[in-house]
PDB file of N, CA and C in Angstrom:
ATOM      1  N   UNK A   1      16.955 -41.094  25.962  1.00  0.00           N
ATOM      2  CA  UNK A   1      17.135 -41.266  24.046  1.00  0.00           C
ATOM      3  C   UNK A   1      18.971 -40.401  24.390  1.00  0.00           C
ATOM      4  N   UNK A   2      19.268 -41.038  23.600  1.00  0.00           N
ATOM      5  CA  UNK A   2      21.372 -40.095  23.631  1.00  0.00           C
ATOM      6  C   UNK A   2      20.969 -39.036  22.448  1.00  0.00           C
ATOM      7  N   UNK A   3      21.511 -37.732  22.751  1.00  0.00           N
ATOM      8  CA  UNK A   3      21.653 -36.655  22.092  1.00  0.00           C
ATOM      9  C   UNK A   3      22.406 -36.860  20.958  1.00  0.00           C
ATOM     10  N   UNK A   4      22.265 -36.235  19.623  1.00  0.00           N
ATOM     11  CA  UNK A   4      23.358 -36.541  19.284  1.00  0.00           C
ATOM     12  C   UNK A   4      24.082 -35.083  19.308  1.00  0.00           C
ATOM     13  N   UNK A   5      25.359 -35.301  19.287  1.00  0.00           N
ATOM     14  CA  UNK A   5      25.902 -33.673  19.223  1.00  0.00           C
ATOM     15  C   UNK A   5      25.970 -32.928  18.279  1.00  0.00           C
ATOM     16  N   UNK A   6      25.927 -31.213  18.416  1.00  0.00           N
ATOM     17  CA  UNK A   6      26.205 -30.941  17.133  1.00  0.00           C
ATOM     18  C   UNK A   6      26.945 -29.903  16.751  1.00  0.00           C
ATOM     19  N   UNK A   7      26.790 -29.296  15.741  1.00  0.00           N
ATOM     20  CA  UNK A   7      27.814 -28.154  15.467  1.00  0.00           C
ATOM     21  C   UNK A   7      27.248 -26.806  15.742  1.00  0.00           C
ATOM     22  N   UNK A   8      28.113 -25.977  16.304  1.00  0.00           N
ATOM     23  CA  UNK A   8      28.451 -24.164  16.758  1.00  0.00           C
ATOM     24  C   UNK A   8      28.464 -23.520  15.240  1.00  0.00           C
ATOM     25  N   UNK A   9      27.637 -23.536  14.617  1.00  0.00           N
ATOM     26  CA  UNK A   9      28.571 -22.052  13.770  1.00  0.00           C
ATOM     27  C   UNK A   9      28.245 -22.784  12.543  1.00  0.00           C
ATOM     28  N   UNK A  10      27.173 -23.772  12.335  1.00  0.00           N
ATOM     29  CA  UNK A  10      27.333 -24.591  10.386  1.00  0.00           C
ATOM     30  C   UNK A  10      26.446 -23.248   9.968  1.00  0.00           C
ATOM     31  N   UNK A  11      27.216 -23.608   8.375  1.00  0.00           N
ATOM     32  CA  UNK A  11      26.786 -22.560   7.607  1.00  0.00           C
ATOM     33  C   UNK A  11      26.099 -22.892   6.039  1.00  0.00           C
ATOM     34  N   UNK A  12      24.662 -23.136   6.465  1.00  0.00           N
ATOM     35  CA  UNK A  12      24.109 -23.738   5.537  1.00  0.00           C
ATOM     36  C   UNK A  12      23.919 -23.051   4.078  1.00  0.00           C
ATOM     37  N   UNK A  13      24.015 -21.381   4.322  1.00  0.00           N
ATOM     38  CA  UNK A  13      24.187 -21.163   2.940  1.00  0.00           C
ATOM     39  C   UNK A  13      25.158 -21.480   1.774  1.00  0.00           C
ATOM     40  N   UNK A  14      26.742 -22.224   2.503  1.00  0.00           N
ATOM     41  CA  UNK A  14      27.211 -22.715   2.020  1.00  0.00           C
ATOM     42  C   UNK A  14      27.416 -23.813   1.154  1.00  0.00           C
ATOM     43  N   UNK A  15      26.904 -24.761   2.524  1.00  0.00           N
ATOM     44  CA  UNK A  15      26.117 -26.274   2.075  1.00  0.00           C
ATOM     45  C   UNK A  15      25.326 -25.534   0.887  1.00  0.00           C
ATOM     46  N   UNK A  16      24.725 -25.095   0.729  1.00  0.00           N
ATOM     47  CA  UNK A  16      23.939 -24.706  -0.304  1.00  0.00           C
ATOM     48  C   UNK A  16      24.474 -24.451  -2.000  1.00  0.00           C
ATOM     49  N   UNK A  17      25.818 -23.929  -2.062  1.00  0.00           N
ATOM     50  CA  UNK A  17      26.469 -23.378  -2.800  1.00  0.00           C
ATOM     51  C   UNK A  17      27.365 -24.304  -3.178  1.00  0.00           C
ATOM     52  N   UNK A  18      27.652 -24.930  -2.047  1.00  0.00           N
ATOM     53  CA  UNK A  18      28.689 -26.276  -2.778  1.00  0.00           C
ATOM     54  C   UNK A  18      27.993 -26.994  -3.627  1.00  0.00           C
ATOM     55  N   UNK A  19      26.563 -27.467  -2.969  1.00  0.00           N
ATOM     56  CA  UNK A  19      25.852 -28.766  -3.168  1.00  0.00           C
ATOM     57  C   UNK A  19      25.410 -28.084  -5.035  1.00  0.00           C
ATOM     58  N   UNK A  20      24.970 -26.782  -4.686  1.00  0.00           N
ATOM     59  CA  UNK A  20      24.441 -26.549  -7.028  1.00  0.00           C
ATOM     60  C   UNK A  20      26.326 -26.403  -7.946  1.00  0.00           C
ATOM     61  N   UNK A  21      27.224 -26.475  -6.681  1.00  0.00           N
ATOM     62  CA  UNK A  21      28.711 -26.535  -7.773  1.00  0.00           C
ATOM     63  C   UNK A  21      28.572 -28.013  -8.257  1.00  0.00           C
ATOM     64  N   UNK A  22      28.303 -29.255  -7.679  1.00  0.00           N
ATOM     65  CA  UNK A  22      27.918 -30.768  -7.446  1.00  0.00           C
ATOM     66  C   UNK A  22      26.917 -30.560  -8.607  1.00  0.00           C
ATOM     67  N   UNK A  23      26.388 -29.425  -8.993  1.00  0.00           N
ATOM     68  CA  UNK A  23      24.716 -29.628  -9.340  1.00  0.00           C
ATOM     69  C   UNK A  23      24.230 -30.667  -9.501  1.00  0.00           C
ATOM     70  N   UNK A  24      23.554 -31.485  -7.670  1.00  0.00           N
ATOM     71  CA  UNK A  24      23.027 -31.619  -7.034  1.00  0.00           C
ATOM     72  C   UNK A  24      21.518 -31.421  -6.814  1.00  0.00           C
ATOM     73  N   UNK A  25      20.677 -32.182  -6.817  1.00  0.00           N
ATOM     74  CA  UNK A  25      19.568 -31.438  -6.482  1.00  0.00           C
ATOM     75  C   UNK A  25      19.634 -32.036  -4.628  1.00  0.00           C
ATOM     76  N   UNK A  26      18.832 -31.836  -3.900  1.00  0.00           N
ATOM     77  CA  UNK A  26      18.628 -31.783  -2.376  1.00  0.00           C
ATOM     78  C   UNK A  26      17.974 -33.335  -2.448  1.00  0.00           C
ATOM     79  N   UNK A  27      17.503 -34.239  -3.012  1.00  0.00           N
ATOM     80  CA  UNK A  27      17.230 -34.769  -2.571  1.00  0.00           C
ATOM     81  C   UNK A  27      18.600 -36.108  -2.943  1.00  0.00           C
ATOM     82  N   UNK A  28      19.537 -35.784  -4.213  1.00  0.00           N
ATOM     83  CA  UNK A  28      20.331 -36.122  -4.333  1.00  0.00           C
ATOM     84  C   UNK A  28      21.169 -36.434  -3.712  1.00  0.00           C
ATOM     85  N   UNK A  29      21.946 -34.985  -2.615  1.00  0.00           N
ATOM     86  CA  UNK A  29      22.396 -35.000  -1.690  1.00  0.00           C
ATOM     87  C   UNK A  29      22.144 -35.662  -0.389  1.00  0.00           C
ATOM     88  N   UNK A  30      20.612 -36.101  -0.315  1.00  0.00           N
ATOM     89  CA  UNK A  30      19.830 -36.589   0.994  1.00  0.00           C
ATOM     90  C   UNK A  30      20.395 -38.095   0.871  1.00  0.00           C
ATOM     91  N   UNK A  31      20.308 -38.695  -0.448  1.00  0.00           N
ATOM     92  CA  UNK A  31      20.413 -40.391  -1.279  1.00  0.00           C
ATOM     93  C   UNK A  31      21.454 -40.095  -0.258  1.00  0.00           C
ATOM     94  N   UNK A  32      22.511 -39.608  -0.769  1.00  0.00           N
ATOM     95  CA  UNK A  32      23.813 -40.240  -0.662  1.00  0.00           C
ATOM     96  C   UNK A  32      24.286 -40.081   0.753  1.00  0.00           C
ATOM     97  N   UNK A  33      23.594 -39.378   1.350  1.00  0.00           N
ATOM     98  CA  UNK A  33      23.738 -38.728   2.733  1.00  0.00           C
ATOM     99  C   UNK A  33      23.260 -39.943   3.585  1.00  0.00           C
ATOM    100  N   UNK A  34      22.107 -40.535   3.682  1.00  0.00           N
ATOM    101  CA  UNK A  34      21.366 -41.273   3.677  1.00  0.00           C
ATOM    102  C   UNK A  34      20.274 -40.316   4.965  1.00  0.00           C
ATOM    103  N   UNK A  35      19.278 -39.609   4.555  1.00  0.00           N
ATOM    104  CA  UNK A  35      18.757 -38.425   4.864  1.00  0.00           C
ATOM    105  C   UNK A  35      17.651 -37.837   3.769  1.00  0.00           C
ATOM    106  N   UNK A  36      16.608 -37.707   4.433  1.00  0.00           N
ATOM    107  CA  UNK A  36      15.295 -37.242   3.701  1.00  0.00           C
ATOM    108  C   UNK A  36      15.713 -35.614   2.583  1.00  0.00           C
ATOM    109  N   UNK A  37      14.876 -35.817   1.553  1.00  0.00           N
ATOM    110  CA  UNK A  37      15.694 -34.171   1.682  1.00  0.00           C
ATOM    111  C   UNK A  37      15.062 -32.832   2.282  1.00  0.00           C
ATOM    112  N   UNK A  38      13.909 -33.271   2.684  1.00  0.00           N
ATOM    113  CA  UNK A  38      13.552 -32.028   3.969  1.00  0.00           C
ATOM    114  C   UNK A  38      14.870 -31.826   5.406  1.00  0.00           C
ATOM    115  N   UNK A  39      15.652 -32.694   5.054  1.00  0.00           N
ATOM    116  CA  UNK A  39      16.757 -32.688   6.350  1.00  0.00           C
ATOM    117  C   UNK A  39      17.406 -31.631   5.430  1.00  0.00           C
ATOM    118  N   UNK A  40      18.319 -31.440   4.203  1.00  0.00           N
ATOM    119  CA  UNK A  40      19.004 -30.719   3.320  1.00  0.00           C
ATOM    120  C   UNK A  40      18.339 -29.446   3.214  1.00  0.00           C
ATOM    121  N   UNK A  41      17.215 -29.590   3.524  1.00  0.00           N
ATOM    122  CA  UNK A  41      16.632 -28.251   3.160  1.00  0.00           C
ATOM    123  C   UNK A  41      16.118 -27.721   4.299  1.00  0.00           C
ATOM    124  N   UNK A  42      16.145 -28.391   5.373  1.00  0.00           N
ATOM    125  CA  UNK A  42      16.506 -27.501   7.453  1.00  0.00           C
ATOM    126  C   UNK A  42      18.001 -26.951   7.002  1.00  0.00           C
ATOM    127  N   UNK A  43      18.688 -27.650   6.373  1.00  0.00           N
ATOM    128  CA  UNK A  43      20.014 -27.120   7.103  1.00  0.00           C
ATOM    129  C   UNK A  43      20.410 -26.314   6.315  1.00  0.00           C
ATOM    130  N   UNK A  44      19.891 -26.381   5.002  1.00  0.00           N
ATOM    131  CA  UNK A  44      20.842 -25.401   3.886  1.00  0.00           C
ATOM    132  C   UNK A  44      20.162 -23.676   4.529  1.00  0.00           C
ATOM    133  N   UNK A  45      18.811 -24.103   4.645  1.00  0.00           N
ATOM    134  CA  UNK A  45      17.438 -22.340   5.602  1.00  0.00           C
ATOM    135  C   UNK A  45      18.171 -22.185   6.710  1.00  0.00           C
ATOM    136  N   UNK A  46      18.654 -22.824   8.039  1.00  0.00           N
ATOM    137  CA  UNK A  46      19.682 -22.862   9.052  1.00  0.00           C
ATOM    138  C   UNK A  46      18.355 -23.313   9.697  1.00  0.00           C
ATOM    139  N   UNK A  47      17.702 -23.924   9.429  1.00  0.00           N
ATOM    140  CA  UNK A  47      16.326 -24.342  10.628  1.00  0.00           C
ATOM    141  C   UNK A  47      16.745 -25.316  11.935  1.00  0.00           C
ATOM    142  N   UNK A  48      18.224 -26.268  11.068  1.00  0.00           N
ATOM    143  CA  UNK A  48      18.813 -27.379  11.425  1.00  0.00           C
ATOM    144  C   UNK A  48      20.581 -27.197  10.990  1.00  0.00           C
ATOM    145  N   UNK A  49      21.217 -28.275  12.082  1.00  0.00           N
ATOM    146  CA  UNK A  49      22.673 -28.485  11.387  1.00  0.00           C
ATOM    147  C   UNK A  49      22.562 -30.070  11.893  1.00  0.00           C
ATOM    148  N   UNK A  50      23.602 -30.328  10.331  1.00  0.00           N
ATOM    149  CA  UNK A  50      23.373 -31.910  11.102  1.00  0.00           C
ATOM    150  C   UNK A  50      24.560 -32.424  11.640  1.00  0.00           C
ATOM    151  N   UNK A  51      24.544 -33.737  12.277  1.00  0.00           N
ATOM    152  CA  UNK A  51      25.158 -34.045  13.343  1.00  0.00           C
ATOM    153  C   UNK A  51      26.184 -33.992  12.567  1.00  0.00           C
ATOM    154  N   UNK A  52      27.748 -34.055  13.756  1.00  0.00           N
ATOM    155  CA  UNK A  52      29.263 -34.182  13.409  1.00  0.00           C
ATOM    156  C   UNK A  52      29.478 -34.643  12.762  1.00  0.00           C
ATOM    157  N   UNK A  53      28.966 -35.872  12.432  1.00  0.00           N
ATOM    158  CA  UNK A  53      29.200 -37.206  11.892  1.00  0.00           C
ATOM    159  C   UNK A  53      29.189 -36.818  10.247  1.00  0.00           C
ATOM    160  N   UNK A  54      28.397 -36.382   9.946  1.00  0.00           N
ATOM    161  CA  UNK A  54      27.818 -35.871   8.823  1.00  0.00           C
ATOM    162  C   UNK A  54      28.511 -34.720   7.915  1.00  0.00           C
ATOM    163  N   UNK A  55      29.145 -33.567   8.919  1.00  0.00           N
ATOM    164  CA  UNK A  55      29.453 -33.212   8.405  1.00  0.00           C
ATOM    165  C   UNK A  55      31.362 -33.692   7.517  1.00  0.00           C
ATOM    166  N   UNK A  56      31.709 -34.925   8.146  1.00  0.00           N
ATOM    167  CA  UNK A  56      33.050 -34.902   7.571  1.00  0.00           C
ATOM    168  C   UNK A  56      32.640 -36.054   6.176  1.00  0.00           C
ATOM    169  N   UNK A  57      30.699 -36.385   6.103  1.00  0.00           N
ATOM    170  CA  UNK A  57      30.924 -37.316   5.151  1.00  0.00           C
ATOM    171  C   UNK A  57      30.260 -36.141   3.899  1.00  0.00           C
ATOM    172  N   UNK A  58      29.866 -35.408   4.348  1.00  0.00           N
ATOM    173  CA  UNK A  58      29.567 -33.437   3.084  1.00  0.00           C
ATOM    174  C   UNK A  58      31.588 -33.772   2.651  1.00  0.00           C
ATOM    175  N   UNK A  59      32.047 -33.527   3.655  1.00  0.00           N
ATOM    176  CA  UNK A  59      33.514 -33.154   3.391  1.00  0.00           C
ATOM    177  C   UNK A  59      34.177 -33.831   2.165  1.00  0.00           C
ATOM    178  N   UNK A  60      33.689 -35.614   2.691  1.00  0.00           N
ATOM    179  CA  UNK A  60      33.956 -36.281   1.548  1.00  0.00           C
ATOM    180  C   UNK A  60      33.209 -36.215  -0.208  1.00  0.00           C
ATOM    181  N   UNK A  61      32.156 -36.014   0.165  1.00  0.00           N
ATOM    182  CA  UNK A  61      31.458 -35.699  -1.195  1.00  0.00           C
ATOM    183  C   UNK A  61      31.409 -34.308  -2.083  1.00  0.00           C
ATOM    184  N   UNK A  62      31.414 -33.315  -0.988  1.00  0.00           N
ATOM    185  CA  UNK A  62      31.417 -31.660  -1.620  1.00  0.00           C
ATOM    186  C   UNK A  62      32.913 -31.602  -2.488  1.00  0.00           C
ATOM    187  N   UNK A  63      33.688 -32.117  -2.126  1.00  0.00           N
ATOM    188  CA  UNK A  63      35.019 -31.323  -2.545  1.00  0.00           C
ATOM    189  C   UNK A  63      35.832 -31.869  -1.373  1.00  0.00           C
ATOM    190  N   UNK A  64      37.379 -30.983  -1.469  1.00  0.00           N
ATOM    191  CA  UNK A  64      38.483 -30.800  -0.344  1.00  0.00           C
ATOM    192  C   UNK A  64      38.509 -30.474   0.726  1.00  0.00           C
ATOM    193  N   UNK A  65      38.962 -30.370   2.050  1.00  0.00           N
ATOM    194  CA  UNK A  65      38.432 -30.364   3.405  1.00  0.00           C
ATOM    195  C   UNK A  65      38.244 -28.991   2.942  1.00  0.00           C
ATOM    196  N   UNK A  66      39.656 -27.661   2.218  1.00  0.00           N
ATOM    197  CA  UNK A  66      39.429 -26.793   2.902  1.00  0.00           C
ATOM    198  C   UNK A  66      38.309 -26.042   2.197  1.00  0.00           C
ATOM    199  N   UNK A  67      38.020 -26.450   0.698  1.00  0.00           N
ATOM    200  CA  UNK A  67      36.049 -25.923   0.883  1.00  0.00           C
ATOM    201  C   UNK A  67      35.646 -26.152   1.586  1.00  0.00           C
ATOM    202  N   UNK A  68      35.410 -27.478   2.038  1.00  0.00           N
ATOM    203  CA  UNK A  68      33.655 -27.951   2.548  1.00  0.00           C
ATOM    204  C   UNK A  68      34.313 -26.829   4.070  1.00  0.00           C
ATOM    205  N   UNK A  69      35.139 -27.130   4.734  1.00  0.00           N
ATOM    206  CA  UNK A  69      35.196 -26.612   5.883  1.00  0.00           C
ATOM    207  C   UNK A  69      34.559 -25.172   6.305  1.00  0.00           C
ATOM    208  N   UNK A  70      34.549 -24.371   4.689  1.00  0.00           N
ATOM    209  CA  UNK A  70      34.271 -22.756   5.448  1.00  0.00           C
ATOM    210  C   UNK A  70      32.257 -23.524   5.540  1.00  0.00           C
ATOM    211  N   UNK A  71      31.392 -24.236   6.095  1.00  0.00           N
ATOM    212  CA  UNK A  71      30.133 -24.841   5.895  1.00  0.00           C
ATOM    213  C   UNK A  71      30.683 -24.881   7.296  1.00  0.00           C
ATOM    214  N   UNK A  72      31.339 -24.566   8.093  1.00  0.00           N
ATOM    215  CA  UNK A  72      31.564 -24.756   9.862  1.00  0.00           C
ATOM    216  C   UNK A  72      32.570 -23.704  10.232  1.00  0.00           C
ATOM    217  N   UNK A  73      32.156 -22.118  10.303  1.00  0.00           N
ATOM    218  CA  UNK A  73      32.727 -21.387  10.242  1.00  0.00           C
ATOM    219  C   UNK A  73      33.133 -20.935  11.270  1.00  0.00           C
TER     220      UNK A  73
END
């Protein structure tokens, strides 16, 4: 099995804040990213980190790179 590269220092609380600013439910963001709502819950709670490629998609969905760069410490 090939391991997916992970980020270090992902800030789930920042992701939560940005998602709420967009007024999206966890399920809505999950649909946009092609992941289950439970995955968003794990990212926001710090139990898991998204693969690197997903972060680029988060930047596209949640706003400018300046704002979203804060999801990675």
